[in-house]
Protein backbone atom coordinates (compact mmCIF):
# COMPACT_ATOMS: atom_id res chain seq x y z
CA MET A 1 214.86 93.79 108.96
CA LYS A 2 211.94 91.37 108.94
CA ASP A 3 210.01 91.27 105.71
CA ILE A 4 206.79 93.32 106.08
CA GLY A 5 204.76 90.99 103.88
CA ALA A 6 205.74 87.93 105.90
CA ALA A 7 204.92 89.73 109.17
CA ILE A 8 201.45 90.62 107.86
CA VAL A 9 200.76 86.99 106.78
CA GLN A 10 201.85 85.67 110.17
CA GLY A 11 199.80 88.26 112.04
CA ALA A 12 196.68 87.60 109.94
CA SER A 13 197.04 83.86 110.52
CA TYR A 14 197.20 84.42 114.25
CA LEU A 15 194.01 86.47 114.22
CA LYS A 16 192.15 83.98 112.01
CA ARG A 17 193.04 81.24 114.51
CA ALA A 18 191.73 83.38 117.37
CA VAL A 19 188.43 83.89 115.57
CA ASN A 20 188.06 80.19 114.67
CA GLU A 21 188.88 79.15 118.25
CA ASP A 22 186.59 81.84 119.76
CA ARG A 23 189.34 83.36 121.85
CA TYR A 24 189.22 86.98 120.72
CA HIS A 25 188.34 88.38 124.10
CA LEU A 26 190.03 90.46 126.82
CA ALA A 27 191.04 89.73 130.37
CA CYS A 28 189.62 91.85 133.20
CA ARG A 29 191.15 92.35 136.68
CA ALA A 30 189.77 94.29 139.60
CA SER A 31 192.22 96.60 141.42
CA ASP A 32 191.35 95.05 144.80
CA GLY A 33 191.80 91.48 143.64
CA SER A 34 188.05 90.69 143.58
CA ALA A 35 186.43 88.97 140.64
CA CYS A 36 185.79 91.11 137.58
CA PRO A 37 182.35 90.22 136.11
CA VAL A 38 183.42 90.99 132.52
CA HIS A 39 186.52 88.79 132.47
CA ALA A 40 187.08 86.79 129.25
CA ALA A 41 184.49 88.99 127.46
CA GLY A 42 184.47 91.88 124.99
CA HIS A 43 184.25 89.85 121.77
CA VAL A 44 182.16 92.54 120.04
CA PHE A 45 184.78 95.12 121.03
CA ALA A 46 187.81 93.12 119.84
CA GLY A 47 185.91 92.00 116.75
CA PHE A 48 185.92 95.55 115.44
CA PHE A 49 189.73 95.79 115.46
CA ILE A 50 190.07 92.41 113.77
CA ALA A 51 187.60 93.34 111.02
CA ASP A 52 189.25 96.72 110.56
CA ALA A 53 192.64 95.13 110.10
CA ILE A 54 191.92 91.94 108.05
CA GLY A 55 188.22 92.01 107.18
CA ASP A 56 189.03 91.48 103.53
CA ALA A 57 191.17 88.43 104.40
CA LEU A 58 188.60 86.65 106.53
CA SER A 59 186.87 83.60 105.02
CA SER A 60 183.09 83.42 104.81
CA ALA A 61 183.08 81.07 107.80
CA GLU A 62 185.21 83.45 109.85
CA ARG A 63 183.03 86.39 108.99
CA GLN A 64 180.03 84.37 110.02
CA LYS A 65 181.61 83.57 113.41
CA ILE A 66 182.02 87.27 114.18
CA THR A 67 178.61 88.34 112.88
CA SER A 68 176.86 85.41 114.62
CA ARG A 69 178.22 86.52 117.97
CA MET A 70 177.10 90.09 117.37
CA ASP A 71 173.69 88.83 116.31
CA ALA A 72 173.40 86.78 119.54
CA GLU A 73 174.41 89.69 121.74
CA GLU A 74 172.01 92.29 120.24
CA ARG A 75 169.47 93.75 122.64
CA GLN A 76 166.71 95.71 120.93
CA GLY A 77 169.03 97.15 118.36
CA VAL A 78 171.96 98.05 120.62
CA TRP A 79 174.86 96.28 122.35
CA GLY A 80 176.97 96.18 125.46
CA TYR A 81 180.45 94.94 126.19
CA MET A 82 179.00 91.50 126.88
CA PRO A 83 175.44 90.02 126.96
CA TYR A 84 174.90 90.85 130.63
CA ALA A 85 176.60 94.26 130.80
CA PRO A 86 174.56 97.44 130.35
CA VAL A 87 174.16 98.50 126.74
CA ASP A 88 176.32 101.44 125.71
CA SER A 89 176.94 103.69 122.76
CA ASP A 90 180.66 102.85 122.38
CA ASP A 91 180.17 99.14 121.84
CA THR A 92 177.07 99.78 119.75
CA ALA A 93 179.12 102.00 117.42
CA PHE A 94 181.90 99.39 117.26
CA VAL A 95 179.38 96.69 116.33
CA ILE A 96 177.64 98.72 113.61
CA ARG A 97 181.03 99.61 112.13
CA THR A 98 182.06 95.94 112.20
CA TYR A 99 178.85 94.80 110.44
CA ARG A 100 179.46 97.36 107.73
CA MET A 101 183.08 96.28 107.18
CA LEU A 102 181.89 92.68 106.89
CA GLY A 103 179.33 93.54 104.29
CA ARG A 104 176.06 93.92 106.18
CA ASP A 105 174.28 97.28 106.14
CA MET A 106 173.31 98.43 109.62
CA PRO A 107 171.52 101.71 110.34
CA ALA A 108 173.35 104.15 112.53
CA ASP A 109 170.25 105.88 113.80
CA ARG A 110 169.80 103.40 116.64
CA LEU A 111 172.59 105.35 118.37
CA LEU A 112 170.29 108.33 118.71
CA ARG A 113 168.78 106.78 121.86
CA PHE A 114 172.06 107.80 123.60
CA TYR A 115 172.03 111.38 122.36
CA ASP A 116 172.02 114.07 124.98
CA GLN A 117 170.29 117.15 123.61
CA ASP A 118 171.66 119.55 126.23
CA GLY A 119 175.27 118.44 125.78
CA LYS A 120 174.93 117.96 122.01
CA ALA A 121 176.81 114.69 122.25
CA PHE A 122 176.28 110.98 122.99
CA ALA A 123 176.26 109.63 126.51
CA THR A 124 178.01 106.29 126.89
CA PHE A 125 175.14 104.87 128.96
CA ASP A 126 171.53 106.00 128.58
CA GLY A 127 168.72 106.75 130.98
CA ARG A 128 170.42 109.17 133.36
CA GLY A 129 169.15 112.49 132.08
CA PRO A 130 171.18 115.54 131.00
CA ALA A 131 174.96 114.93 130.97
CA ALA A 132 178.12 117.02 130.66
CA LEU A 133 181.50 116.43 129.01
CA VAL A 134 183.78 114.92 131.66
CA PHE A 135 187.42 113.77 131.81
CA ASP A 136 188.00 112.77 135.43
CA PRO A 137 186.90 109.23 136.29
CA SER A 138 184.34 108.72 139.04
CA VAL A 139 181.19 106.61 139.52
CA GLU A 140 179.05 109.65 138.79
CA ASN A 141 181.07 110.64 135.72
CA ASN A 142 180.66 107.17 134.23
CA PHE A 143 177.25 108.52 133.06
CA GLY A 144 178.59 111.68 131.46
CA LEU A 145 179.71 112.51 127.91
CA HIS A 146 183.11 110.97 127.15
CA PRO A 147 185.38 112.37 124.42
CA GLU A 148 186.86 109.19 123.01
CA VAL A 149 183.42 107.50 122.92
CA ASN A 150 181.99 110.35 120.90
CA ALA A 151 184.95 110.29 118.52
CA ASN A 152 184.29 106.59 117.90
CA ILE A 153 180.64 107.34 117.22
CA TYR A 154 181.49 110.26 114.97
CA ASN A 155 183.74 108.02 112.89
CA LEU A 156 180.62 105.94 112.18
CA LEU A 157 178.30 108.93 111.61
CA ALA A 158 180.72 110.73 109.32
CA ASP A 159 180.25 107.86 106.85
CA SER A 160 176.46 107.87 107.13
CA THR A 161 173.47 110.07 106.42
CA LEU A 162 173.77 111.31 110.01
CA SER A 163 176.96 113.34 109.55
CA GLU A 164 175.21 116.45 110.90
CA TRP A 165 175.30 114.90 114.34
CA VAL A 166 179.10 115.13 114.44
CA ASN A 167 180.07 117.80 116.99
CA ASP A 168 183.40 119.35 115.96
CA ASP A 169 183.36 121.63 118.98
CA LEU A 170 183.37 118.68 121.40
CA ILE A 171 186.42 117.19 119.64
CA ALA A 172 188.29 120.51 119.82
CA ARG A 173 187.37 121.05 123.48
CA SER A 174 188.80 117.62 124.34
CA GLN A 175 192.28 118.39 123.01
CA THR A 176 195.00 119.44 125.42
CA PRO A 177 197.36 122.42 124.80
CA GLN A 178 200.10 119.82 124.13
CA GLY A 179 198.12 118.41 121.21
CA TRP A 180 196.88 115.06 122.55
CA TRP A 181 193.24 114.26 123.29
CA ARG A 182 191.80 113.53 126.71
CA SER A 183 190.16 110.16 127.27
CA TYR A 184 187.83 108.90 129.99
CA PHE A 185 187.74 105.11 129.80
CA TYR A 186 190.93 104.51 127.77
CA PRO A 187 194.07 105.45 129.74
CA GLY A 188 196.96 107.36 128.18
CA PRO A 189 197.15 110.07 125.53
CA TYR A 190 197.21 107.86 122.38
CA TYR A 191 193.84 106.11 122.05
CA ALA A 192 191.71 109.28 122.03
CA THR A 193 194.30 110.95 119.82
CA TYR A 194 194.03 108.06 117.38
CA VAL A 195 190.23 108.10 117.10
CA SER A 196 190.09 111.91 116.97
CA LEU A 197 192.73 112.31 114.28
CA ILE A 198 191.17 109.59 112.12
CA LEU A 199 187.89 111.50 112.32
CA LEU A 200 189.36 114.90 111.60
CA CYS A 201 191.55 113.72 108.72
CA LYS A 202 188.62 111.83 107.23
CA THR A 203 186.36 114.90 107.30
CA GLY A 204 189.07 117.50 106.59
CA ARG A 205 187.75 119.72 109.38
CA ARG A 206 189.60 121.71 112.06
CA GLU A 207 192.95 122.05 110.31
CA ASP A 208 194.55 123.78 113.30
CA THR A 209 193.38 121.03 115.65
CA ARG A 210 194.62 118.32 113.29
CA SER A 211 198.06 119.97 112.92
CA LYS A 212 198.47 120.27 116.67
CA GLY A 213 197.64 116.56 117.07
CA ILE A 214 200.10 115.49 114.35
CA ASP A 215 202.82 117.66 115.90
CA PHE A 216 202.23 115.91 119.23
CA LEU A 217 202.76 112.53 117.59
CA ARG A 218 205.98 113.60 115.92
CA GLU A 219 207.32 115.21 119.09
CA SER A 220 206.44 112.33 121.49
CA ARG A 221 208.14 109.57 119.53
CA ASN A 222 211.00 107.82 121.32
CA PRO A 223 214.52 107.71 119.72
CA ASP A 224 214.14 104.01 118.89
CA GLY A 225 211.00 104.72 116.80
CA SER A 226 208.39 103.66 119.35
CA TRP A 227 205.71 105.62 121.26
CA GLY A 228 204.77 105.43 124.94
CA ARG A 229 206.58 105.55 128.24
CA PRO A 230 208.18 103.04 127.96
CA GLY A 231 207.75 102.41 124.27
CA GLY A 232 205.13 99.72 123.58
CA VAL A 233 203.39 98.00 120.67
CA TYR A 234 199.89 99.25 121.56
CA GLU A 235 200.67 102.92 121.75
CA THR A 236 203.08 102.78 118.84
CA SER A 237 200.38 101.15 116.68
CA LEU A 238 197.82 103.77 117.69
CA ALA A 239 200.24 106.57 116.73
CA LEU A 240 201.15 104.97 113.39
CA ASN A 241 197.51 104.40 112.44
CA ALA A 242 196.64 108.00 113.26
CA MET A 243 199.55 109.20 111.11
CA ALA A 244 198.59 106.88 108.24
CA ALA A 245 195.00 108.13 108.35
CA CYS A 246 196.34 111.71 108.01
CA VAL A 247 198.78 110.67 105.25
CA VAL A 248 201.82 111.59 107.37
CA ILE A 249 204.28 109.09 105.85
CA ASP A 250 207.55 110.60 107.04
CA ASP A 251 210.72 109.45 108.71
CA ALA A 252 209.02 109.14 112.08
CA PHE A 253 206.40 106.87 110.53
CA ARG A 254 208.99 104.71 108.77
CA LYS A 255 211.09 104.34 111.91
CA GLY A 256 207.97 103.38 113.87
CA ILE A 257 207.13 100.66 111.32
CA ALA A 258 210.69 99.32 111.48
CA TRP A 259 210.48 99.18 115.29
CA LEU A 260 207.09 97.43 115.12
CA LEU A 261 208.56 94.70 112.89
CA THR A 262 211.09 93.83 115.63
CA GLN A 263 208.34 93.28 118.18
CA GLN A 264 206.31 90.46 116.58
CA SER A 265 206.13 87.28 118.61
CA PRO A 266 207.01 83.87 117.09
CA ASP A 267 203.30 82.96 117.01
CA GLY A 268 202.57 85.94 114.77
CA SER A 269 200.98 88.18 117.40
CA TRP A 270 201.94 91.52 118.90
CA ARG A 271 201.24 91.91 122.62
CA ASP A 272 201.39 94.54 125.34
CA GLU A 273 200.06 92.44 128.19
CA LYS A 274 200.67 95.03 130.90
CA ILE A 275 198.88 97.83 129.07
CA VAL A 276 195.42 98.71 130.36
CA LEU A 277 193.10 99.03 127.35
CA TRP A 278 190.16 100.39 129.31
CA GLU A 279 189.41 101.22 132.94
CA TYR A 280 186.04 101.52 134.66
CA THR A 281 185.47 103.05 138.09
CA TYR A 282 183.22 100.54 139.81
CA ARG A 283 183.41 101.96 143.31
CA GLU A 284 185.08 104.95 145.01
CA ASP A 285 185.00 104.14 148.74
CA PRO A 286 186.98 102.03 148.97
CA PRO A 287 188.19 102.47 145.37
CA VAL A 288 187.73 99.57 142.98
CA LEU A 289 188.71 99.80 139.29
CA TRP A 290 187.97 97.21 136.64
CA ARG A 291 190.82 97.09 134.06
CA ALA A 292 190.96 95.26 130.77
CA TYR A 293 194.15 93.66 129.43
CA ASP A 294 194.86 92.30 125.96
CA THR A 295 196.54 89.09 127.16
CA GLY A 296 195.69 87.34 123.91
CA GLY A 297 196.90 90.14 121.60
CA VAL A 298 193.57 90.35 119.84
CA VAL A 299 193.43 94.18 119.82
CA THR A 300 197.16 94.98 119.74
CA THR A 301 197.83 92.56 116.87
CA PRO A 302 195.20 93.99 114.52
CA LEU A 303 196.32 97.56 115.32
CA ALA A 304 199.89 96.59 114.43
CA LEU A 305 198.73 94.78 111.29
CA LYS A 306 196.64 97.75 110.15
CA ALA A 307 199.72 100.02 110.49
CA LEU A 308 201.89 97.56 108.55
CA ARG A 309 199.35 97.20 105.80
CA SER A 310 199.17 100.98 105.50
CA ALA A 311 202.96 101.14 105.25
CA ARG A 312 203.08 98.47 102.56
CA GLY A 313 200.28 100.21 100.61
CA ARG A 314 202.17 103.46 100.67
């Protein structure tokens, strides 16, 4: 089996090159073949995953490249997916978390502009009035309360003086009877499960909800050690990172790590180029979806690296 230490070094080198060459962005394709206005964007989104995986290994110059881009894209204390996209709470939370990992204190209270008092949760986009928790994508529901976005925000708030704004009930209501969490913008069962379990295992709350989620991860693993249908690096990495956050270092975890080591590309990256990372309903009649793809491996690679580093640390 490939040496885990060598795999980590190769993966980190790949990500450092991506930062230095300013190519840590995502591709976007529209479902009808039209131009997607946020193609080759999302640096502040991908930057979070890079900092989360190798923030301690970035040089001062590399840290400065990431923070300088976030500085340039700030709009009155909040952020969007790119400079000309609407500001949103999800990317704002990612950016604040990235600043903190890279050593700059950033207040979390600027997220309160997105708070919906009636729903007791954070809307992804602001300015639309009272909103409800929604799971089914539509143009109207884009302006609702989205479970995986709130879980991301709660992961920030749980480590701040605003922990009382974390709504455990919303997290519990978003879990399916099978144990995985519903998501709105991020397709599949694993992303929302990953952010929700990290939150719950960090706070130690909702033991029954946590146990059901961990059971889902154990039961949904493929015989070869991977997760997903078919097994893929992105979903496997999400599952492994959720398990590591909950200190579930069992045979399923070890087999998943072994499978992940077989999937590294010669250039040091891990890629799932056909996986849709996020999906936005732009129009319904006729339907047009904007979908983001990690063609450069700048989200999948850090997720895989974070899982491998957790395994080595254990």
